[in-house]
Amino acid sequence: MHKFHYKDVIQSALEIDYLEVQSYEMNVYLVWLAVGDNTGLVYDENDNPKRFYSAGQIRETFAHCKVDQAVMKHDTPYDEMIGNPPKSAEQMALPFSMTLPY
């Protein structure tokens, strides 16, 4: 797996084949990229997965990049705790618009 460093992402106009926003809990998002043969998460300056705190922050970060496909996947650890059935093995990917609202 490749590590995409945040500082490199904001300085380069990447051509991203697939961008996946992974949504966890409230307003915590990780971004997984596929660029050519490289796939992996975006990492911060401390070599930890980069946390994003809003969809707008993600859109702004990648506004200068060409993104062919973007999706969001949501994961919650609470389903079984609140009486919902266990999660399916497959997560549903919803389209994620990279268009800035302003």
Protein backbone atom coordinates (compact mmCIF):
# COMPACT_ATOMS: atom_id res chain seq x y z
CA MET A 1 0.00 0.00 0.00
CA HIS A 2 1.22 3.48 -0.91
CA LYS A 3 1.23 6.42 1.49
CA PHE A 4 0.04 9.67 -0.06
CA HIS A 5 1.46 12.47 2.07
CA TYR A 6 -0.83 15.45 2.61
CA LYS A 7 1.93 17.99 1.90
CA ASP A 8 2.60 16.32 -1.46
CA VAL A 9 -1.10 16.16 -2.32
CA ILE A 10 -1.65 19.88 -1.74
CA GLN A 11 1.41 20.77 -3.82
CA SER A 12 0.69 18.53 -6.86
CA ALA A 13 -2.20 18.43 -9.28
CA LEU A 14 -2.74 14.68 -9.07
CA GLU A 15 -4.81 12.76 -11.58
CA ILE A 16 -6.84 10.61 -9.19
CA ASP A 17 -8.60 7.57 -10.62
CA TYR A 18 -10.63 6.87 -7.48
CA LEU A 19 -11.10 8.87 -4.27
CA GLU A 20 -12.87 7.18 -1.37
CA VAL A 21 -14.02 9.18 1.63
CA GLN A 22 -14.24 6.86 4.63
CA SER A 23 -16.68 8.30 7.17
CA TYR A 24 -16.25 7.37 10.83
CA GLU A 25 -18.37 8.59 13.74
CA MET A 26 -19.15 12.28 13.71
CA ASN A 27 -17.13 14.47 11.35
CA VAL A 28 -14.04 12.24 11.14
CA TYR A 29 -13.07 11.28 7.61
CA LEU A 30 -10.11 9.47 6.07
CA VAL A 31 -9.34 9.61 2.35
CA TRP A 32 -8.17 6.61 0.33
CA LEU A 33 -6.81 7.22 -3.16
CA ALA A 34 -6.06 5.22 -6.28
CA VAL A 35 -3.60 6.97 -8.59
CA GLY A 36 -2.37 4.73 -11.38
CA ASP A 37 -0.96 1.59 -9.77
CA ASN A 38 -0.67 3.24 -6.32
CA THR A 39 -3.42 2.91 -3.72
CA GLY A 40 -3.50 4.02 -0.11
CA LEU A 41 -4.55 6.52 2.50
CA VAL A 42 -3.53 10.16 2.78
CA TYR A 43 -1.09 10.66 5.69
CA ASP A 44 -0.27 13.74 7.75
CA GLU A 45 3.14 15.20 8.68
CA ASN A 46 3.43 12.78 11.64
CA ASP A 47 2.96 9.75 9.38
CA ASN A 48 -0.56 9.09 10.73
CA PRO A 49 -3.65 8.80 8.54
CA LYS A 50 -4.77 12.37 7.84
CA ARG A 51 -8.07 13.21 9.53
CA PHE A 52 -10.43 15.49 7.69
CA TYR A 53 -13.27 17.11 9.61
CA SER A 54 -15.77 18.02 6.89
CA ALA A 55 -16.73 17.20 3.33
CA GLY A 56 -15.86 20.79 2.43
CA GLN A 57 -12.33 20.39 3.75
CA ILE A 58 -11.89 17.33 1.52
CA ARG A 59 -13.27 19.15 -1.52
CA GLU A 60 -10.97 22.13 -0.91
CA THR A 61 -7.91 19.91 -0.44
CA PHE A 62 -8.46 18.13 -3.76
CA ALA A 63 -9.95 21.06 -5.75
CA HIS A 64 -6.78 21.41 -7.84
CA CYS A 65 -6.72 17.69 -8.69
CA LYS A 66 -8.52 15.83 -11.45
CA VAL A 67 -10.75 13.22 -9.78
CA ASP A 68 -12.36 10.65 -12.08
CA GLN A 69 -14.58 9.00 -9.45
CA ALA A 70 -15.34 9.89 -5.82
CA VAL A 71 -17.43 7.93 -3.33
CA MET A 72 -18.19 7.96 0.38
CA LYS A 73 -18.39 4.89 2.58
CA HIS A 74 -19.83 5.14 6.07
CA ASP A 75 -18.83 2.85 8.92
CA THR A 76 -20.28 2.88 12.40
CA PRO A 77 -19.38 0.62 15.30
CA TYR A 78 -22.71 1.28 17.02
CA ASP A 79 -25.20 -0.71 14.91
CA GLU A 80 -25.07 -3.84 17.02
CA MET A 81 -24.97 -1.80 20.24
CA ILE A 82 -28.33 -0.20 19.49
CA GLY A 83 -30.07 -3.37 18.35
CA ASN A 84 -29.55 -3.06 14.61
CA PRO A 85 -28.61 -6.21 12.72
CA PRO A 86 -24.90 -6.95 12.17
CA LYS A 87 -23.27 -5.11 9.29
CA SER A 88 -23.02 -6.73 5.91
CA ALA A 89 -19.59 -7.71 4.68
CA GLU A 90 -19.92 -5.22 1.80
CA GLN A 91 -20.09 -1.50 2.52
CA MET A 92 -22.28 0.61 0.30
CA ALA A 93 -20.43 3.32 -1.62
CA LEU A 94 -22.44 6.48 -2.29
CA PRO A 95 -21.41 9.03 -4.93
CA PHE A 96 -19.45 11.94 -3.44
CA SER A 97 -19.49 15.23 -5.31
CA MET A 98 -16.14 17.00 -5.54
CA THR A 99 -17.81 20.23 -6.69
CA LEU A 100 -17.27 23.14 -4.33
CA PRO A 101 -20.50 24.92 -3.40
CA TYR A 102 -18.97 28.36 -3.81
